[in-house]
Protein backbone atom coordinates (compact mmCIF):
# COMPACT_ATOMS: atom_id res chain seq x y z
CA MET A 1 -20.57 17.24 -20.99
CA SER A 2 -16.87 16.83 -20.51
CA ARG A 3 -14.89 13.95 -19.16
CA ASN A 4 -12.68 16.13 -17.08
CA ASN A 5 -15.21 17.65 -14.69
CA GLU A 6 -14.57 17.85 -11.05
CA LYS A 7 -16.68 14.77 -10.02
CA ASN A 8 -14.55 12.48 -12.44
CA ILE A 9 -11.18 13.89 -11.56
CA LYS A 10 -12.03 13.30 -7.81
CA LYS A 11 -13.49 9.88 -8.55
CA HIS A 12 -10.10 9.00 -10.26
CA ASN A 13 -7.97 10.44 -7.62
CA ASP A 14 -9.73 8.67 -4.86
CA LYS A 15 -9.31 5.40 -6.68
CA LEU A 16 -5.48 6.04 -7.49
CA HIS A 17 -4.86 6.82 -3.72
CA LYS A 18 -6.77 3.86 -2.51
CA ALA A 19 -4.67 1.65 -4.77
CA GLN A 20 -1.44 3.41 -3.74
CA SER A 21 -2.18 2.99 -0.04
CA LYS A 22 -2.99 -0.60 -0.56
CA ILE A 23 0.46 -1.19 -2.02
CA LYS A 24 2.05 0.78 0.74
CA ASP A 25 0.38 -1.31 3.48
CA ALA A 26 1.32 -4.51 1.66
CA GLU A 27 5.01 -3.28 1.56
CA ILE A 28 5.05 -2.36 5.44
CA LEU A 29 3.46 -5.72 6.21
CA ARG A 30 6.10 -7.48 4.28
CA LYS A 31 8.90 -5.88 6.05
CA GLU A 32 7.30 -6.60 9.46
CA LYS A 33 7.28 -10.27 8.65
CA LEU A 34 10.73 -10.20 7.44
CA LYS A 35 11.92 -8.66 10.69
CA GLU A 36 10.05 -11.37 12.62
CA ILE A 37 11.71 -14.07 10.50
CA ILE A 38 15.14 -12.67 10.86
CA LYS A 39 14.64 -12.29 14.59
CA LYS A 40 13.56 -15.99 14.99
CA PHE A 41 16.45 -17.07 12.83
CA ASN A 42 19.04 -15.22 14.96
CA GLN A 43 17.56 -16.63 18.16
CA LYS A 44 18.18 -20.18 16.75
CA GLN A 45 21.93 -19.53 16.19
């Protein structure tokens, strides 16, 4: 039985894509929070 069969490759890719999308979502959330902070800061001035 080889380690590089279709099932294992699919499992690995799913895990990888899940991790990548998690990072991407966190990045987007961070940018949105930063925009809100900047908006509030500009309103105070």
